[in-house]
Amino acid sequence: MTVLPLCLAGTRLADSAAWAQDASAWEMQSHTSARLIAGALAKSADAEFLRAGVEIRLDPGWETYWRDPGDSGAPPTFDFSGSANVKSATVLWPAPEKFPDGAGGNSIGYVGHVILPLRIAPQDAAQPAVLDLKLGYAICGTLCVPIEADLKLALDGKGGEDASIARAESRVPRRVPLGANSGSGLAILAVHREQARVVVEVAAPAGAPVDLFVEGPTPDWSLPLPEATGGDGAKRQFSFALDGLPADAKPDGALLTFTAVCGDDAIEVSAHLD
């Protein structure tokens, strides 16, 4: 989850409810297009928010990247600073997949189509919010291309794309504690060090393929992709070298984030290194 705090920007809100739409126009570029989509007003345990999403479509054979791009690529960037009546914008990340990067490694991201759900907290809940997003993202196919898109959309809490956003939210990994079962058999059971490697024990339905991703406590950690090193039943083992740390970083006690993906199920677990 990426939360972007914002200040109230702009003053032209009076007429925005009248031109609120279900989606912005597609911004078309070579091999890709992007737009904003609007959903309904929703509630969490402690706040109300507006549901929205960033929708990206890609030509066949092209990919874009997750918040951690893996061995190559670049994560998307989001600049909502031109928005009006927006206090914060939270980006949610559906479960990604792993694919070869063409250079002997693997990247992490999305193929074909993705909706990144947004939770928008307005400054004044009685007024519509106006999203003004400068989106940066990279796409790769026969070559890699940086893309910039300028997207605008007014939100009044009555957007018609709520079902599409809900489907994307259902693919966002659920946060569970270390050792806790997801309910369908997926769990990260244990994390420990063996010399210069980290070993991760994962439970999953027997025979089902599992992908495991790891992130450091800050984006400047570039940890390798965990590799499957044992087990093919209900318990699997993954490991990775403690490489890619910033020069002044210490691994002892570092808080790592693990994302396990198994079919339609995905979980996110935080664990301290021993």
C-alpha atoms as a PDB file:
ATOM      1  CA  MET A   1       0.000   0.000   0.000  1.00  0.00           C
ATOM      2  CA  THR A   2       1.350   3.432  -0.958  1.00  0.00           C
ATOM      3  CA  VAL A   3      -0.163   6.467   0.790  1.00  0.00           C
ATOM      4  CA  LEU A   4       0.458   9.879  -0.750  1.00  0.00           C
ATOM      5  CA  PRO A   5      -0.451  12.826   1.545  1.00  0.00           C
ATOM      6  CA  LEU A   6      -1.630  15.929  -0.257  1.00  0.00           C
ATOM      7  CA  CYS A   7      -2.581  19.502   0.386  1.00  0.00           C
ATOM      8  CA  LEU A   8      -5.819  21.086  -0.811  1.00  0.00           C
ATOM      9  CA  ALA A   9      -5.117  22.313  -4.318  1.00  0.00           C
ATOM     10  CA  GLY A  10      -7.260  24.499  -6.532  1.00  0.00           C
ATOM     11  CA  THR A  11     -10.558  26.240  -5.854  1.00  0.00           C
ATOM     12  CA  ARG A  12     -12.773  25.328  -8.828  1.00  0.00           C
ATOM     13  CA  LEU A  13     -14.969  22.782  -7.072  1.00  0.00           C
ATOM     14  CA  ALA A  14     -18.413  24.313  -7.360  1.00  0.00           C
ATOM     15  CA  ASP A  15     -19.217  22.850 -10.775  1.00  0.00           C
ATOM     16  CA  SER A  16     -17.155  19.660 -10.598  1.00  0.00           C
ATOM     17  CA  ALA A  17     -20.062  17.475  -9.445  1.00  0.00           C
ATOM     18  CA  ALA A  18     -21.908  18.380 -12.632  1.00  0.00           C
ATOM     19  CA  TRP A  19     -19.115  17.011 -14.835  1.00  0.00           C
ATOM     20  CA  ALA A  20     -18.096  14.047 -12.689  1.00  0.00           C
ATOM     21  CA  GLN A  21     -17.727  11.002 -14.938  1.00  0.00           C
ATOM     22  CA  ASP A  22     -17.228   7.277 -14.615  1.00  0.00           C
ATOM     23  CA  ALA A  23     -13.799   7.512 -16.263  1.00  0.00           C
ATOM     24  CA  SER A  24     -11.363   9.943 -17.792  1.00  0.00           C
ATOM     25  CA  ALA A  25     -10.493   9.722 -21.463  1.00  0.00           C
ATOM     26  CA  TRP A  26      -7.898   7.110 -22.364  1.00  0.00           C
ATOM     27  CA  GLU A  27      -4.464   8.642 -22.846  1.00  0.00           C
ATOM     28  CA  MET A  28      -3.211   6.622 -25.791  1.00  0.00           C
ATOM     29  CA  GLN A  29       0.482   6.027 -26.400  1.00  0.00           C
ATOM     30  CA  SER A  30       2.450   3.479 -28.384  1.00  0.00           C
ATOM     31  CA  HIS A  31       1.723  -0.027 -27.006  1.00  0.00           C
ATOM     32  CA  THR A  32      -0.206   1.267 -23.978  1.00  0.00           C
ATOM     33  CA  SER A  33      -3.058   3.451 -22.745  1.00  0.00           C
ATOM     34  CA  ALA A  34      -4.071   4.687 -19.291  1.00  0.00           C
ATOM     35  CA  ARG A  35      -7.056   6.348 -17.655  1.00  0.00           C
ATOM     36  CA  LEU A  36      -8.617   7.091 -14.254  1.00  0.00           C
ATOM     37  CA  ILE A  37     -11.857   5.380 -13.249  1.00  0.00           C
ATOM     38  CA  ALA A  38     -14.354   6.375 -10.540  1.00  0.00           C
ATOM     39  CA  GLY A  39     -16.188   4.235  -8.011  1.00  0.00           C
ATOM     40  CA  ALA A  40     -18.471   4.784  -5.048  1.00  0.00           C
ATOM     41  CA  LEU A  41     -18.128   6.291  -1.596  1.00  0.00           C
ATOM     42  CA  ALA A  42     -16.932   3.591   0.812  1.00  0.00           C
ATOM     43  CA  LYS A  43     -16.115   3.209   4.499  1.00  0.00           C
ATOM     44  CA  SER A  44     -13.283   1.555   6.362  1.00  0.00           C
ATOM     45  CA  ALA A  45     -13.168   0.914  10.094  1.00  0.00           C
ATOM     46  CA  ASP A  46     -12.236   4.520  10.861  1.00  0.00           C
ATOM     47  CA  ALA A  47     -12.827   6.665   7.773  1.00  0.00           C
ATOM     48  CA  GLU A  48     -14.805   7.331   4.622  1.00  0.00           C
ATOM     49  CA  PHE A  49     -13.046   7.385   1.277  1.00  0.00           C
ATOM     50  CA  LEU A  50     -13.771   7.624  -2.441  1.00  0.00           C
ATOM     51  CA  ARG A  51     -12.937   4.575  -4.543  1.00  0.00           C
ATOM     52  CA  ALA A  52     -11.077   5.169  -7.777  1.00  0.00           C
ATOM     53  CA  GLY A  53      -8.475   3.424  -9.891  1.00  0.00           C
ATOM     54  CA  VAL A  54      -5.659   3.787 -12.385  1.00  0.00           C
ATOM     55  CA  GLU A  55      -6.361   1.505 -15.343  1.00  0.00           C
ATOM     56  CA  ILE A  56      -3.520   0.544 -17.691  1.00  0.00           C
ATOM     57  CA  ARG A  57      -3.899  -1.483 -20.873  1.00  0.00           C
ATOM     58  CA  LEU A  58      -0.952  -2.963 -22.758  1.00  0.00           C
ATOM     59  CA  ASP A  59      -0.524  -4.465 -26.196  1.00  0.00           C
ATOM     60  CA  PRO A  60       0.049  -8.253 -26.338  1.00  0.00           C
ATOM     61  CA  GLY A  61       3.630  -9.097 -25.364  1.00  0.00           C
ATOM     62  CA  TRP A  62       4.111  -5.946 -23.264  1.00  0.00           C
ATOM     63  CA  GLU A  63       4.438  -5.665 -19.472  1.00  0.00           C
ATOM     64  CA  THR A  64       4.533  -2.997 -16.803  1.00  0.00           C
ATOM     65  CA  TYR A  65       5.856  -3.106 -13.248  1.00  0.00           C
ATOM     66  CA  TRP A  66       4.864  -3.591  -9.618  1.00  0.00           C
ATOM     67  CA  ARG A  67       6.037  -1.354  -6.750  1.00  0.00           C
ATOM     68  CA  ASP A  68       9.175  -3.570  -6.654  1.00  0.00           C
ATOM     69  CA  PRO A  69      10.110  -4.240 -10.295  1.00  0.00           C
ATOM     70  CA  GLY A  70      12.463  -7.166  -9.600  1.00  0.00           C
ATOM     71  CA  ASP A  71      15.761  -7.586 -11.446  1.00  0.00           C
ATOM     72  CA  SER A  72      14.986  -4.840 -13.974  1.00  0.00           C
ATOM     73  CA  GLY A  73      12.370  -2.223 -14.728  1.00  0.00           C
ATOM     74  CA  ALA A  74      11.000   0.735 -12.782  1.00  0.00           C
ATOM     75  CA  PRO A  75       8.003   1.091 -10.461  1.00  0.00           C
ATOM     76  CA  PRO A  76       5.146   3.462 -11.340  1.00  0.00           C
ATOM     77  CA  THR A  77       5.218   6.983  -9.919  1.00  0.00           C
ATOM     78  CA  PHE A  78       2.166   9.002  -8.878  1.00  0.00           C
ATOM     79  CA  ASP A  79       1.972  12.792  -8.519  1.00  0.00           C
ATOM     80  CA  PHE A  80      -1.437  13.939  -7.252  1.00  0.00           C
ATOM     81  CA  SER A  81      -0.214  17.388  -6.199  1.00  0.00           C
ATOM     82  CA  GLY A  82      -2.433  19.197  -8.734  1.00  0.00           C
ATOM     83  CA  SER A  83      -5.612  17.627  -7.328  1.00  0.00           C
ATOM     84  CA  ALA A  84      -8.359  19.595  -5.593  1.00  0.00           C
ATOM     85  CA  ASN A  85     -10.079  18.702  -2.315  1.00  0.00           C
ATOM     86  CA  VAL A  86      -7.795  15.695  -1.839  1.00  0.00           C
ATOM     87  CA  LYS A  87      -6.135  15.132   1.550  1.00  0.00           C
ATOM     88  CA  SER A  88      -4.460  11.827   0.684  1.00  0.00           C
ATOM     89  CA  ALA A  89      -4.388   9.199  -2.040  1.00  0.00           C
ATOM     90  CA  THR A  90      -3.615   5.578  -1.182  1.00  0.00           C
ATOM     91  CA  VAL A  91      -2.439   3.275  -3.974  1.00  0.00           C
ATOM     92  CA  LEU A  92      -3.284  -0.421  -3.609  1.00  0.00           C
ATOM     93  CA  TRP A  93      -1.296  -3.071  -5.462  1.00  0.00           C
ATOM     94  CA  PRO A  94      -2.965  -6.208  -6.864  1.00  0.00           C
ATOM     95  CA  ALA A  95      -0.875  -9.371  -6.689  1.00  0.00           C
ATOM     96  CA  PRO A  96       1.794  -9.269  -9.415  1.00  0.00           C
ATOM     97  CA  GLU A  97       3.381 -12.024 -11.443  1.00  0.00           C
ATOM     98  CA  LYS A  98       6.967 -12.884 -12.329  1.00  0.00           C
ATOM     99  CA  PHE A  99       8.219 -12.865 -15.929  1.00  0.00           C
ATOM    100  CA  PRO A 100      11.645 -13.106 -17.646  1.00  0.00           C
ATOM    101  CA  ASP A 101      13.303  -9.742 -18.189  1.00  0.00           C
ATOM    102  CA  GLY A 102      15.220 -10.799 -21.311  1.00  0.00           C
ATOM    103  CA  ALA A 103      18.599 -10.412 -19.595  1.00  0.00           C
ATOM    104  CA  GLY A 104      18.695 -13.631 -17.587  1.00  0.00           C
ATOM    105  CA  GLY A 105      16.719 -12.315 -14.616  1.00  0.00           C
ATOM    106  CA  ASN A 106      13.076 -11.872 -13.712  1.00  0.00           C
ATOM    107  CA  SER A 107      10.896  -8.797 -13.377  1.00  0.00           C
ATOM    108  CA  ILE A 108       7.728  -8.391 -11.310  1.00  0.00           C
ATOM    109  CA  GLY A 109       4.594  -6.759 -12.604  1.00  0.00           C
ATOM    110  CA  TYR A 110       1.558  -7.049 -14.811  1.00  0.00           C
ATOM    111  CA  VAL A 111       0.863  -8.317 -18.310  1.00  0.00           C
ATOM    112  CA  GLY A 112      -1.888  -7.080 -20.589  1.00  0.00           C
ATOM    113  CA  HIS A 113      -4.123  -5.144 -18.223  1.00  0.00           C
ATOM    114  CA  VAL A 114      -4.181  -3.920 -14.625  1.00  0.00           C
ATOM    115  CA  ILE A 115      -6.281  -1.665 -12.403  1.00  0.00           C
ATOM    116  CA  LEU A 116      -4.441  -0.147  -9.446  1.00  0.00           C
ATOM    117  CA  PRO A 117      -7.175   0.725  -6.907  1.00  0.00           C
ATOM    118  CA  LEU A 118      -7.069   4.135  -5.210  1.00  0.00           C
ATOM    119  CA  ARG A 119      -8.551   5.249  -1.907  1.00  0.00           C
ATOM    120  CA  ILE A 120      -9.057   8.994  -1.964  1.00  0.00           C
ATOM    121  CA  ALA A 121      -9.601  10.898   1.295  1.00  0.00           C
ATOM    122  CA  PRO A 122     -11.158  14.316   0.568  1.00  0.00           C
ATOM    123  CA  GLN A 123     -10.446  17.415   2.626  1.00  0.00           C
ATOM    124  CA  ASP A 124     -14.164  18.228   2.680  1.00  0.00           C
ATOM    125  CA  ALA A 125     -16.416  15.176   2.364  1.00  0.00           C
ATOM    126  CA  ALA A 126     -19.357  17.406   1.387  1.00  0.00           C
ATOM    127  CA  GLN A 127     -17.574  18.501  -1.793  1.00  0.00           C
ATOM    128  CA  PRO A 128     -16.437  16.451  -4.807  1.00  0.00           C
ATOM    129  CA  ALA A 129     -12.750  15.699  -5.212  1.00  0.00           C
ATOM    130  CA  VAL A 130     -10.894  16.373  -8.440  1.00  0.00           C
ATOM    131  CA  LEU A 131      -7.990  14.055  -9.239  1.00  0.00           C
ATOM    132  CA  ASP A 132      -5.142  15.447 -11.308  1.00  0.00           C
ATOM    133  CA  LEU A 133      -2.589  12.660 -11.698  1.00  0.00           C
ATOM    134  CA  LYS A 134       0.772  12.829 -13.393  1.00  0.00           C
ATOM    135  CA  LEU A 135       1.481   9.134 -13.856  1.00  0.00           C
ATOM    136  CA  GLY A 136       4.880   7.724 -14.760  1.00  0.00           C
ATOM    137  CA  TYR A 137       5.294   4.076 -15.661  1.00  0.00           C
ATOM    138  CA  ALA A 138       7.593   1.883 -17.715  1.00  0.00           C
ATOM    139  CA  ILE A 139       6.553  -0.717 -20.273  1.00  0.00           C
ATOM    140  CA  CYS A 140       8.690  -3.441 -21.796  1.00  0.00           C
ATOM    141  CA  GLY A 141       8.178  -5.627 -24.847  1.00  0.00           C
ATOM    142  CA  THR A 142      10.581  -5.667 -27.760  1.00  0.00           C
ATOM    143  CA  LEU A 143      12.187  -2.711 -25.973  1.00  0.00           C
ATOM    144  CA  CYS A 144      11.614  -0.776 -22.750  1.00  0.00           C
ATOM    145  CA  VAL A 145       9.884   2.607 -22.883  1.00  0.00           C
ATOM    146  CA  PRO A 146       9.196   5.189 -20.132  1.00  0.00           C
ATOM    147  CA  ILE A 147       5.635   6.555 -20.279  1.00  0.00           C
ATOM    148  CA  GLU A 148       4.150   9.739 -18.845  1.00  0.00           C
ATOM    149  CA  ALA A 149       0.407  10.364 -18.695  1.00  0.00           C
ATOM    150  CA  ASP A 150      -1.560  13.368 -17.412  1.00  0.00           C
ATOM    151  CA  LEU A 151      -4.976  12.185 -16.171  1.00  0.00           C
ATOM    152  CA  LYS A 152      -7.866  14.161 -14.672  1.00  0.00           C
ATOM    153  CA  LEU A 153     -11.202  13.045 -13.199  1.00  0.00           C
ATOM    154  CA  ALA A 154     -13.794  14.457 -10.800  1.00  0.00           C
ATOM    155  CA  LEU A 155     -15.114  12.107  -8.110  1.00  0.00           C
ATOM    156  CA  ASP A 156     -18.558  12.511  -6.543  1.00  0.00           C
ATOM    157  CA  GLY A 157     -18.871   9.069  -4.913  1.00  0.00           C
ATOM    158  CA  LYS A 158     -21.279   7.815  -7.602  1.00  0.00           C
ATOM    159  CA  GLY A 159     -18.863   6.485 -10.213  1.00  0.00           C
ATOM    160  CA  GLY A 160     -20.001   3.579 -12.370  1.00  0.00           C
ATOM    161  CA  GLU A 161     -16.731   1.598 -12.288  1.00  0.00           C
ATOM    162  CA  ASP A 162     -17.136   0.333  -8.718  1.00  0.00           C
ATOM    163  CA  ALA A 163     -17.435  -3.324  -9.754  1.00  0.00           C
ATOM    164  CA  SER A 164     -14.182  -3.183 -11.744  1.00  0.00           C
ATOM    165  CA  ILE A 165     -12.396  -1.526  -8.841  1.00  0.00           C
ATOM    166  CA  ALA A 166     -13.782  -4.116  -6.409  1.00  0.00           C
ATOM    167  CA  ARG A 167     -12.459  -6.946  -8.594  1.00  0.00           C
ATOM    168  CA  ALA A 168      -9.012  -5.343  -8.575  1.00  0.00           C
ATOM    169  CA  GLU A 169      -9.183  -4.886  -4.797  1.00  0.00           C
ATOM    170  CA  SER A 170      -9.948  -8.589  -4.412  1.00  0.00           C
ATOM    171  CA  ARG A 171      -6.529  -9.289  -5.930  1.00  0.00           C
ATOM    172  CA  VAL A 172      -4.693  -7.080  -3.411  1.00  0.00           C
ATOM    173  CA  PRO A 173      -2.753  -9.363  -1.006  1.00  0.00           C
ATOM    174  CA  ARG A 174      -4.352  -9.550   2.432  1.00  0.00           C
ATOM    175  CA  ARG A 175      -2.132  -8.605   5.357  1.00  0.00           C
ATOM    176  CA  VAL A 176      -1.767 -11.500   7.796  1.00  0.00           C
ATOM    177  CA  PRO A 177       0.680 -12.199  10.646  1.00  0.00           C
ATOM    178  CA  LEU A 178       3.671 -14.474  10.269  1.00  0.00           C
ATOM    179  CA  GLY A 179       2.457 -18.065  10.646  1.00  0.00           C
ATOM    180  CA  ALA A 180      -1.225 -17.256  10.065  1.00  0.00           C
ATOM    181  CA  ASN A 181      -3.149 -19.258   7.474  1.00  0.00           C
ATOM    182  CA  SER A 182      -5.001 -17.285   4.804  1.00  0.00           C
ATOM    183  CA  GLY A 183      -8.019 -19.590   5.058  1.00  0.00           C
ATOM    184  CA  SER A 184      -7.229 -21.379   1.817  1.00  0.00           C
ATOM    185  CA  GLY A 185      -3.976 -22.962   2.978  1.00  0.00           C
ATOM    186  CA  LEU A 186      -1.512 -20.191   2.061  1.00  0.00           C
ATOM    187  CA  ALA A 187       0.786 -19.004   4.867  1.00  0.00           C
ATOM    188  CA  ILE A 188       4.326 -17.799   5.485  1.00  0.00           C
ATOM    189  CA  LEU A 189       5.352 -19.994   8.395  1.00  0.00           C
ATOM    190  CA  ALA A 190       8.849 -18.844   9.309  1.00  0.00           C
ATOM    191  CA  VAL A 191      11.729 -16.567   8.272  1.00  0.00           C
ATOM    192  CA  HIS A 192      15.295 -17.152   9.471  1.00  0.00           C
ATOM    193  CA  ARG A 193      18.896 -16.638   8.430  1.00  0.00           C
ATOM    194  CA  GLU A 194      21.375 -19.324   7.516  1.00  0.00           C
ATOM    195  CA  GLN A 195      24.727 -17.550   7.237  1.00  0.00           C
ATOM    196  CA  ALA A 196      24.434 -15.077   4.339  1.00  0.00           C
ATOM    197  CA  ARG A 197      21.050 -16.349   3.123  1.00  0.00           C
ATOM    198  CA  VAL A 198      17.478 -15.920   4.299  1.00  0.00           C
ATOM    199  CA  VAL A 199      15.269 -19.018   4.356  1.00  0.00           C
ATOM    200  CA  VAL A 200      11.469 -18.689   4.160  1.00  0.00           C
ATOM    201  CA  GLU A 201       9.054 -21.524   4.866  1.00  0.00           C
ATOM    202  CA  VAL A 202       5.722 -21.314   3.051  1.00  0.00           C
ATOM    203  CA  ALA A 203       2.567 -23.421   3.331  1.00  0.00           C
ATOM    204  CA  ALA A 204       0.344 -23.782   0.269  1.00  0.00           C
ATOM    205  CA  PRO A 205      -2.126 -26.298  -1.167  1.00  0.00           C
ATOM    206  CA  ALA A 206      -0.234 -29.366  -2.387  1.00  0.00           C
ATOM    207  CA  GLY A 207       0.757 -29.128  -6.026  1.00  0.00           C
ATOM    208  CA  ALA A 208      -0.251 -25.478  -6.448  1.00  0.00           C
ATOM    209  CA  PRO A 209       2.437 -23.147  -7.849  1.00  0.00           C
ATOM    210  CA  VAL A 210       3.615 -20.384  -5.504  1.00  0.00           C
ATOM    211  CA  ASP A 211       5.504 -17.134  -6.182  1.00  0.00           C
ATOM    212  CA  LEU A 212       7.252 -15.352  -3.311  1.00  0.00           C
ATOM    213  CA  PHE A 213       8.468 -11.749  -3.394  1.00  0.00           C
ATOM    214  CA  VAL A 214      10.461  -9.831  -0.768  1.00  0.00           C
ATOM    215  CA  GLU A 215      10.935  -6.113  -0.106  1.00  0.00           C
ATOM    216  CA  GLY A 216      13.245  -4.332   2.301  1.00  0.00           C
ATOM    217  CA  PRO A 217      12.266  -1.689   4.854  1.00  0.00           C
ATOM    218  CA  THR A 218      12.940   1.131   2.344  1.00  0.00           C
ATOM    219  CA  PRO A 219      12.793   1.277  -1.485  1.00  0.00           C
ATOM    220  CA  ASP A 220      16.593   1.497  -1.769  1.00  0.00           C
ATOM    221  CA  TRP A 221      16.886  -2.141  -0.677  1.00  0.00           C
ATOM    222  CA  SER A 222      17.182  -4.290  -3.824  1.00  0.00           C
ATOM    223  CA  LEU A 223      16.862  -7.816  -2.496  1.00  0.00           C
ATOM    224  CA  PRO A 224      17.015 -10.751  -4.951  1.00  0.00           C
ATOM    225  CA  LEU A 225      13.910 -12.690  -5.867  1.00  0.00           C
ATOM    226  CA  PRO A 226      13.478 -15.677  -3.517  1.00  0.00           C
ATOM    227  CA  GLU A 227      14.114 -19.009  -5.219  1.00  0.00           C
ATOM    228  CA  ALA A 228      12.289 -22.256  -4.472  1.00  0.00           C
ATOM    229  CA  THR A 229      14.830 -24.551  -2.774  1.00  0.00           C
ATOM    230  CA  GLY A 230      12.776 -27.468  -1.525  1.00  0.00           C
ATOM    231  CA  GLY A 231       9.391 -29.073  -0.960  1.00  0.00           C
ATOM    232  CA  ASP A 232       6.555 -29.718  -3.359  1.00  0.00           C
ATOM    233  CA  GLY A 233       3.740 -30.707  -0.997  1.00  0.00           C
ATOM    234  CA  ALA A 234       1.945 -28.529   1.498  1.00  0.00           C
ATOM    235  CA  LYS A 235       5.227 -26.997   2.740  1.00  0.00           C
ATOM    236  CA  ARG A 236       7.726 -25.226   0.504  1.00  0.00           C
ATOM    237  CA  GLN A 237      11.069 -23.597   1.150  1.00  0.00           C
ATOM    238  CA  PHE A 238      12.460 -20.479  -0.527  1.00  0.00           C
ATOM    239  CA  SER A 239      15.760 -18.712   0.005  1.00  0.00           C
ATOM    240  CA  PHE A 240      17.643 -15.634  -1.174  1.00  0.00           C
ATOM    241  CA  ALA A 241      21.035 -14.050  -0.557  1.00  0.00           C
ATOM    242  CA  LEU A 242      21.328 -10.930   1.577  1.00  0.00           C
ATOM    243  CA  ASP A 243      22.461  -8.856  -1.395  1.00  0.00           C
ATOM    244  CA  GLY A 244      21.394  -5.449  -2.616  1.00  0.00           C
ATOM    245  CA  LEU A 245      21.385  -3.662   0.757  1.00  0.00           C
ATOM    246  CA  PRO A 246      22.256   0.040   0.947  1.00  0.00           C
ATOM    247  CA  ALA A 247      25.861   0.640   1.982  1.00  0.00           C
ATOM    248  CA  ASP A 248      25.014   1.681   5.550  1.00  0.00           C
ATOM    249  CA  ALA A 249      22.154  -0.798   6.122  1.00  0.00           C
ATOM    250  CA  LYS A 250      22.295  -3.522   8.763  1.00  0.00           C
ATOM    251  CA  PRO A 251      20.273  -6.699   8.223  1.00  0.00           C
ATOM    252  CA  ASP A 252      19.917  -7.480  11.945  1.00  0.00           C
ATOM    253  CA  GLY A 253      16.314  -6.820  12.938  1.00  0.00           C
ATOM    254  CA  ALA A 254      15.378  -5.356   9.537  1.00  0.00           C
ATOM    255  CA  LEU A 255      11.646  -5.463   8.802  1.00  0.00           C
ATOM    256  CA  LEU A 256      11.059  -7.289   5.517  1.00  0.00           C
ATOM    257  CA  THR A 257       7.772  -7.556   3.619  1.00  0.00           C
ATOM    258  CA  PHE A 258       6.934 -10.868   1.963  1.00  0.00           C
ATOM    259  CA  THR A 259       4.192 -11.322  -0.642  1.00  0.00           C
ATOM    260  CA  ALA A 260       3.105 -14.879  -1.458  1.00  0.00           C
ATOM    261  CA  VAL A 261       0.876 -15.519  -4.480  1.00  0.00           C
ATOM    262  CA  CYS A 262      -0.835 -18.849  -5.129  1.00  0.00           C
ATOM    263  CA  GLY A 263      -3.490 -18.856  -7.848  1.00  0.00           C
ATOM    264  CA  ASP A 264      -6.245 -16.429  -6.865  1.00  0.00           C
ATOM    265  CA  ASP A 265      -4.961 -16.148  -3.296  1.00  0.00           C
ATOM    266  CA  ALA A 266      -2.295 -13.691  -2.113  1.00  0.00           C
ATOM    267  CA  ILE A 267      -1.028 -12.601   1.290  1.00  0.00           C
ATOM    268  CA  GLU A 268       1.398 -10.001   2.629  1.00  0.00           C
ATOM    269  CA  VAL A 269       3.452 -10.666   5.774  1.00  0.00           C
ATOM    270  CA  SER A 270       5.941  -8.476   7.649  1.00  0.00           C
ATOM    271  CA  ALA A 271       8.754 -10.186   9.533  1.00  0.00           C
ATOM    272  CA  HIS A 272      11.935  -9.060  11.303  1.00  0.00           C
ATOM    273  CA  LEU A 273      15.199 -10.757  10.407  1.00  0.00           C
ATOM    274  CA  ASP A 274      16.694 -12.660  13.330  1.00  0.00           C
END
